[in-house]
């Protein structure tokens, strides 16, 4: 696992997304869903660890907004909610955390329908699936699962749509969404030499970097933080934008506070105002409601389609991942 291998994995994102889009319509990963479920599930339980669990949180929140009882849990949890044919279980693996996921899925085998999303169809956790959905992200030499995260997000958006979750229009046409995400990802990669060094400079602090995002896209912040922690091995924190003024604001008063803000929350401007008063600095990704840029940002990173929440969920973690790769390349060998 090296900085070079992470950079190579990130560079391969547009091609991997395009290849995934071309699998449709001949490949429908959820074609067997009606046969798997006798009726609409009374509840959906999504399970994972690390970034996979945060993908589950995003999917579960969308399902709840559609009136579907859904929860996202740690696959390491000792809780054992009742199993039965009315509970759909969805396990998500990005390559790690398989021991815990296998342990929890074992409770549901032959009791509840089980869907597993996994990078490799030959992986151990795939044996627990009634319906296995391979991520088709390709081999990632960097070992951080950045492409796996992106593909799993796309496939969970599709699953949510099939189960009744609202979609912006993008998730209803997943191949089109994937191509838009590939285009946006390619745009960020192409422009990276122009903005990554500056973003890395602004976000560099002895106290670490803070990833701030609205609740519906908090997974982007967690994916960014995980990449920073595991790649260049730096301190990284996560906070929800609206909650920031009630929690992390107090950290900003006593530290050299630097933040990467995934914009789009109604509380972006309050965050910017309070952080400015405390002499912190931040880089914004995307637009904020009513503005093309978040007022007060030292740098704003834009990409095609960044006003579409589905595109953002697939693309915006790349900003943090590219900054992490930059720091990793610059770190002492």
Protein backbone atom coordinates (compact mmCIF):
# COMPACT_ATOMS: atom_id res chain seq x y z
CA UNK A 1 0.00 0.00 0.00
CA UNK A 2 1.71 3.17 -1.24
CA UNK A 3 0.89 6.72 -2.28
CA UNK A 4 1.56 5.74 -5.87
CA UNK A 5 -0.89 2.84 -5.73
CA UNK A 6 -3.58 5.07 -4.19
CA UNK A 7 -3.07 7.64 -6.95
CA UNK A 8 -3.36 4.88 -9.55
CA UNK A 9 -6.61 3.65 -7.99
CA UNK A 10 -8.06 7.16 -8.06
CA UNK A 11 -6.95 7.72 -11.65
CA UNK A 12 -8.84 4.59 -12.66
CA UNK A 13 -12.18 5.82 -11.31
CA UNK A 14 -13.63 7.28 -14.54
CA UNK A 15 -12.88 4.12 -16.53
CA UNK A 16 -14.28 1.88 -13.78
CA UNK A 17 -17.51 3.89 -13.54
CA UNK A 18 -17.89 3.88 -17.32
CA UNK A 19 -17.35 0.12 -17.44
CA UNK A 20 -19.97 -0.36 -14.72
CA UNK A 21 -22.48 1.74 -16.65
CA UNK A 22 -21.97 -0.41 -19.75
CA UNK A 23 -23.03 -3.54 -17.86
CA UNK A 24 -26.60 -2.23 -17.96
CA UNK A 25 -29.24 -3.13 -19.09
CA UNK A 26 -27.95 -6.67 -19.72
CA UNK A 27 -26.94 -6.87 -16.05
CA UNK A 28 -29.55 -6.09 -13.43
CA UNK A 29 -28.02 -6.72 -9.99
CA UNK A 30 -31.42 -6.72 -8.31
CA UNK A 31 -33.43 -8.65 -10.90
CA UNK A 32 -34.00 -11.44 -8.36
CA UNK A 33 -35.36 -9.06 -5.72
CA UNK A 34 -39.08 -9.81 -6.37
CA UNK A 35 -38.43 -13.54 -6.06
CA UNK A 36 -36.40 -12.99 -2.90
CA UNK A 37 -39.18 -11.03 -1.19
CA UNK A 38 -42.70 -12.43 -0.89
CA UNK A 39 -43.94 -8.89 -0.26
CA UNK A 40 -42.54 -5.47 0.52
CA UNK A 41 -40.17 -5.88 3.49
CA UNK A 42 -41.48 -4.65 6.81
CA UNK A 43 -37.94 -3.56 7.65
CA UNK A 44 -34.50 -3.35 6.10
CA UNK A 45 -31.36 -3.83 8.18
CA UNK A 46 -28.11 -2.66 6.56
CA UNK A 47 -24.83 -3.84 8.06
CA UNK A 48 -21.20 -2.86 7.63
CA UNK A 49 -18.08 -1.47 9.29
CA UNK A 50 -16.08 1.69 8.64
CA UNK A 51 -16.93 3.42 5.34
CA UNK A 52 -19.29 0.54 4.50
CA UNK A 53 -21.43 1.36 7.52
CA UNK A 54 -21.62 5.00 6.49
CA UNK A 55 -22.83 3.89 3.06
CA UNK A 56 -25.50 1.94 4.93
CA UNK A 57 -26.44 5.06 6.91
CA UNK A 58 -27.01 7.00 3.68
CA UNK A 59 -29.15 4.23 2.19
CA UNK A 60 -31.15 3.71 5.40
CA UNK A 61 -31.92 7.43 5.75
CA UNK A 62 -33.27 7.55 2.19
CA UNK A 63 -35.47 4.53 2.84
CA UNK A 64 -36.84 6.05 6.04
CA UNK A 65 -37.78 9.21 4.16
CA UNK A 66 -39.85 6.97 1.88
CA UNK A 67 -41.64 5.45 4.87
CA UNK A 68 -39.65 2.20 4.82
CA UNK A 69 -38.45 1.00 8.22
CA UNK A 70 -34.69 0.88 7.76
CA UNK A 71 -31.68 0.87 10.06
CA UNK A 72 -27.92 0.91 9.58
CA UNK A 73 -25.90 -0.94 12.19
CA UNK A 74 -22.34 -1.93 12.97
CA UNK A 75 -21.83 -5.47 11.78
CA UNK A 76 -19.86 -5.91 15.01
CA UNK A 77 -22.95 -5.14 17.12
CA UNK A 78 -24.07 -7.81 19.57
CA UNK A 79 -27.72 -6.76 19.17
CA UNK A 80 -29.95 -9.40 17.63
CA UNK A 81 -33.18 -7.89 16.29
CA UNK A 82 -35.81 -10.49 15.39
CA UNK A 83 -35.12 -12.29 12.12
CA UNK A 84 -37.79 -13.44 9.72
CA UNK A 85 -38.88 -13.33 6.09
CA UNK A 86 -40.26 -9.81 6.57
CA UNK A 87 -36.79 -8.41 7.39
CA UNK A 88 -34.47 -7.77 4.46
CA UNK A 89 -30.80 -7.86 5.50
CA UNK A 90 -28.18 -6.06 3.42
CA UNK A 91 -24.51 -6.63 4.19
CA UNK A 92 -21.91 -4.33 2.65
CA UNK A 93 -18.21 -5.14 2.43
CA UNK A 94 -15.60 -2.95 0.75
CA UNK A 95 -12.95 -5.57 1.34
CA UNK A 96 -12.41 -5.29 5.10
CA UNK A 97 -14.51 -6.15 8.14
CA UNK A 98 -15.50 -9.53 6.75
CA UNK A 99 -15.08 -11.46 9.98
CA UNK A 100 -17.64 -9.30 11.77
CA UNK A 101 -19.98 -9.28 8.79
CA UNK A 102 -19.88 -13.07 8.48
CA UNK A 103 -20.63 -13.40 12.18
CA UNK A 104 -23.73 -11.21 12.06
CA UNK A 105 -25.03 -12.62 8.77
CA UNK A 106 -24.81 -16.12 10.20
CA UNK A 107 -27.73 -15.16 12.46
CA UNK A 108 -29.92 -14.52 9.43
CA UNK A 109 -29.10 -17.44 7.12
CA UNK A 110 -32.28 -19.36 6.22
CA UNK A 111 -34.28 -16.96 8.42
CA UNK A 112 -34.25 -13.66 6.50
CA UNK A 113 -33.48 -12.80 2.86
CA UNK A 114 -29.85 -11.63 2.67
CA UNK A 115 -28.26 -9.39 0.05
CA UNK A 116 -24.49 -8.95 0.10
CA UNK A 117 -22.55 -6.26 -1.78
CA UNK A 118 -18.88 -7.24 -2.02
CA UNK A 119 -15.87 -6.46 -4.24
CA UNK A 120 -15.09 -10.10 -4.97
CA UNK A 121 -17.74 -12.75 -5.70
CA UNK A 122 -15.37 -15.40 -4.35
CA UNK A 123 -15.00 -13.70 -0.97
CA UNK A 124 -16.03 -15.60 2.16
CA UNK A 125 -18.90 -13.26 3.03
CA UNK A 126 -20.51 -13.98 -0.36
CA UNK A 127 -21.40 -17.46 0.93
CA UNK A 128 -24.02 -15.94 3.21
CA UNK A 129 -25.91 -14.21 0.39
CA UNK A 130 -29.22 -15.17 -1.12
CA UNK A 131 -28.45 -12.43 -3.62
CA UNK A 132 -24.82 -11.48 -4.24
CA UNK A 133 -24.06 -8.13 -5.88
CA UNK A 134 -20.41 -7.76 -6.99
CA UNK A 135 -19.15 -4.19 -7.02
CA UNK A 136 -17.15 -4.51 -10.26
CA UNK A 137 -14.67 -1.90 -9.02
CA UNK A 138 -11.60 -3.82 -10.16
CA UNK A 139 -8.50 -4.59 -8.12
CA UNK A 140 -7.30 -1.66 -5.99
CA UNK A 141 -3.60 -1.91 -5.28
CA UNK A 142 -3.83 0.94 -2.77
CA UNK A 143 -5.93 -1.21 -0.48
CA UNK A 144 -8.19 1.65 0.62
CA UNK A 145 -11.28 0.66 -1.37
CA UNK A 146 -11.95 4.12 -2.83
CA UNK A 147 -13.45 2.74 -6.05
CA UNK A 148 -15.30 0.05 -4.09
CA UNK A 149 -16.89 2.80 -1.97
CA UNK A 150 -17.98 4.69 -5.08
CA UNK A 151 -19.50 1.63 -6.76
CA UNK A 152 -21.21 0.43 -3.58
CA UNK A 153 -22.81 3.86 -3.17
CA UNK A 154 -24.18 3.71 -6.71
CA UNK A 155 -25.59 0.21 -6.26
CA UNK A 156 -27.17 1.11 -2.91
CA UNK A 157 -28.85 4.10 -4.57
CA UNK A 158 -30.30 1.68 -7.11
CA UNK A 159 -31.41 -0.76 -4.39
CA UNK A 160 -33.06 2.08 -2.47
CA UNK A 161 -34.94 3.13 -5.58
CA UNK A 162 -36.14 -0.45 -6.11
CA UNK A 163 -37.37 -0.54 -2.51
CA UNK A 164 -39.23 2.75 -2.82
CA UNK A 165 -36.74 5.40 -1.73
CA UNK A 166 -37.12 8.79 -3.42
CA UNK A 167 -34.66 9.57 -6.17
CA UNK A 168 -33.68 12.86 -7.77
CA UNK A 169 -34.04 11.26 -11.18
CA UNK A 170 -30.42 10.17 -11.29
CA UNK A 171 -30.90 6.91 -9.41
CA UNK A 172 -33.81 6.01 -11.68
CA UNK A 173 -31.32 5.97 -14.56
CA UNK A 174 -28.25 4.45 -12.96
CA UNK A 175 -26.20 4.10 -16.17
CA UNK A 176 -26.74 7.79 -16.85
CA UNK A 177 -25.79 8.67 -13.28
CA UNK A 178 -22.62 6.59 -13.55
CA UNK A 179 -21.60 8.35 -16.77
CA UNK A 180 -22.23 11.77 -15.19
CA UNK A 181 -20.14 10.71 -12.19
CA UNK A 182 -17.39 9.43 -14.49
CA UNK A 183 -17.34 12.79 -16.28
CA UNK A 184 -17.24 14.73 -12.99
CA UNK A 185 -14.53 12.45 -11.59
CA UNK A 186 -12.47 12.90 -14.73
CA UNK A 187 -12.87 16.67 -14.46
CA UNK A 188 -11.59 16.67 -10.86
CA UNK A 189 -8.64 14.48 -11.78
CA UNK A 190 -7.75 16.65 -14.76
CA UNK A 191 -7.89 19.88 -12.76
CA UNK A 192 -6.17 18.38 -9.69
CA UNK A 193 -2.75 20.01 -10.34
CA UNK A 194 -4.49 23.40 -10.18
CA UNK A 195 -6.26 22.99 -6.83
CA UNK A 196 -4.88 20.03 -4.87
CA UNK A 197 -1.59 21.67 -3.72
CA UNK A 198 -3.47 24.77 -2.57
CA UNK A 199 -6.16 22.74 -0.81
CA UNK A 200 -3.49 20.64 0.90
CA UNK A 201 -1.72 23.81 2.08
CA UNK A 202 -4.90 25.36 3.48
CA UNK A 203 -5.95 22.16 5.25
CA UNK A 204 -2.54 21.38 6.72
CA UNK A 205 -2.61 21.74 10.51
CA UNK A 206 -0.77 20.12 13.42
CA UNK A 207 -4.19 19.46 14.91
CA UNK A 208 -5.47 17.49 11.93
CA UNK A 209 -8.17 18.11 9.36
CA UNK A 210 -11.92 18.20 9.94
CA UNK A 211 -14.39 16.85 7.39
CA UNK A 212 -17.76 18.63 7.63
CA UNK A 213 -20.86 17.59 5.67
CA UNK A 214 -24.67 17.70 5.81
CA UNK A 215 -26.27 14.67 7.46
CA UNK A 216 -27.54 13.20 4.18
CA UNK A 217 -23.97 13.16 2.79
CA UNK A 218 -22.01 12.51 5.97
CA UNK A 219 -20.64 9.34 4.38
CA UNK A 220 -18.50 11.54 2.10
CA UNK A 221 -16.86 13.08 5.14
CA UNK A 222 -16.22 9.69 6.75
CA UNK A 223 -14.75 8.27 3.55
CA UNK A 224 -12.43 11.27 3.31
CA UNK A 225 -11.40 10.94 6.95
CA UNK A 226 -10.70 7.22 6.59
CA UNK A 227 -8.47 7.80 3.57
CA UNK A 228 -6.50 10.49 5.41
CA UNK A 229 -6.12 8.26 8.46
CA UNK A 230 -5.09 5.12 6.58
CA UNK A 231 -3.02 6.64 3.75
CA UNK A 232 -0.78 9.48 4.95
CA UNK A 233 -1.69 8.52 8.55
CA UNK A 234 -2.86 11.92 9.67
CA UNK A 235 -5.44 12.98 12.23
CA UNK A 236 -8.87 13.47 10.70
CA UNK A 237 -12.23 14.22 12.33
CA UNK A 238 -15.84 14.28 11.09
CA UNK A 239 -18.74 16.55 12.01
CA UNK A 240 -22.23 17.24 10.63
CA UNK A 241 -22.62 20.81 9.38
CA UNK A 242 -25.61 21.86 11.47
CA UNK A 243 -24.21 20.20 14.57
CA UNK A 244 -20.82 21.88 14.10
CA UNK A 245 -21.83 25.10 15.87
CA UNK A 246 -22.81 23.08 18.94
CA UNK A 247 -19.77 20.78 19.11
CA UNK A 248 -16.69 21.36 16.95
CA UNK A 249 -17.01 25.11 17.23
CA UNK A 250 -15.41 24.80 20.66
CA UNK A 251 -12.46 22.91 19.21
CA UNK A 252 -11.97 25.71 16.70
CA UNK A 253 -11.53 28.13 19.59
CA UNK A 254 -8.49 26.29 20.94
CA UNK A 255 -6.84 24.70 17.87
CA UNK A 256 -5.48 25.61 14.46
CA UNK A 257 -8.76 24.49 12.92
CA UNK A 258 -8.82 23.52 9.23
CA UNK A 259 -11.87 22.01 7.56
CA UNK A 260 -12.95 20.50 4.28
CA UNK A 261 -16.62 21.46 3.92
CA UNK A 262 -18.84 19.36 1.68
CA UNK A 263 -21.26 22.18 0.92
CA UNK A 264 -25.02 22.01 0.47
CA UNK A 265 -26.37 22.39 4.00
CA UNK A 266 -28.69 25.18 5.08
CA UNK A 267 -26.10 25.77 7.82
CA UNK A 268 -23.07 26.32 5.57
CA UNK A 269 -23.06 30.08 6.07
CA UNK A 270 -23.41 29.81 9.85
CA UNK A 271 -20.47 27.40 9.87
CA UNK A 272 -18.41 29.81 7.74
CA UNK A 273 -19.30 32.81 9.89
CA UNK A 274 -18.46 31.12 13.18
CA UNK A 275 -15.24 29.58 11.87
CA UNK A 276 -14.18 32.95 10.46
CA UNK A 277 -14.71 34.57 13.87
CA UNK A 278 -12.43 31.92 15.36
CA UNK A 279 -9.79 32.47 12.66
CA UNK A 280 -10.06 29.00 11.25
CA UNK A 281 -9.85 28.20 7.55
CA UNK A 282 -11.75 25.93 5.22
CA UNK A 283 -11.96 24.61 1.69
CA UNK A 284 -15.46 24.16 0.25
CA UNK A 285 -16.55 21.45 -2.16
CA UNK A 286 -19.51 22.41 -4.33
CA UNK A 287 -22.14 25.15 -4.06
CA UNK A 288 -24.28 26.15 -1.10
CA UNK A 289 -28.03 26.96 -1.26
CA UNK A 290 -28.48 30.35 -2.92
CA UNK A 291 -24.80 30.82 -3.77
CA UNK A 292 -22.30 29.45 -6.24
CA UNK A 293 -19.69 29.43 -3.49
CA UNK A 294 -19.70 29.34 0.30
CA UNK A 295 -18.83 32.84 1.58
CA UNK A 296 -15.55 32.82 3.47
CA UNK A 297 -14.03 29.75 1.83
CA UNK A 298 -10.34 30.17 1.05
CA UNK A 299 -10.79 27.81 -1.90
CA UNK A 300 -13.84 26.32 -3.61
CA UNK A 301 -13.61 23.12 -5.61
CA UNK A 302 -16.32 22.67 -8.25
CA UNK A 303 -17.06 19.88 -10.71
CA UNK A 304 -19.77 19.18 -13.31
CA UNK A 305 -23.06 18.14 -11.71
CA UNK A 306 -22.15 19.20 -8.18
CA UNK A 307 -25.67 20.54 -7.69
CA UNK A 308 -27.11 17.00 -7.94
CA UNK A 309 -27.04 15.18 -4.59
CA UNK A 310 -26.65 11.76 -6.24
CA UNK A 311 -23.67 12.91 -8.30
CA UNK A 312 -22.15 14.47 -5.17
CA UNK A 313 -22.48 11.25 -3.19
CA UNK A 314 -20.44 9.45 -5.85
CA UNK A 315 -17.88 12.15 -6.66
CA UNK A 316 -17.13 14.49 -3.77
CA UNK A 317 -15.11 12.03 -1.61
CA UNK A 318 -12.48 12.17 -4.36
CA UNK A 319 -11.55 15.70 -3.25
CA UNK A 320 -10.46 14.43 0.16
CA UNK A 321 -8.87 11.33 -1.38
CA UNK A 322 -6.73 13.42 -3.74
CA UNK A 323 -5.60 15.65 -0.88
CA UNK A 324 -4.73 12.53 1.12
CA UNK A 325 -2.68 11.18 -1.80
CA UNK A 326 -0.86 14.54 -2.07
CA UNK A 327 0.06 14.49 1.62
CA UNK A 328 1.13 10.87 1.37
CA UNK A 329 3.42 11.59 -1.57
CA UNK A 330 4.96 14.49 0.37
CA UNK A 331 5.47 12.56 3.62
CA UNK A 332 8.95 11.24 4.55
CA UNK A 333 9.61 7.73 3.20
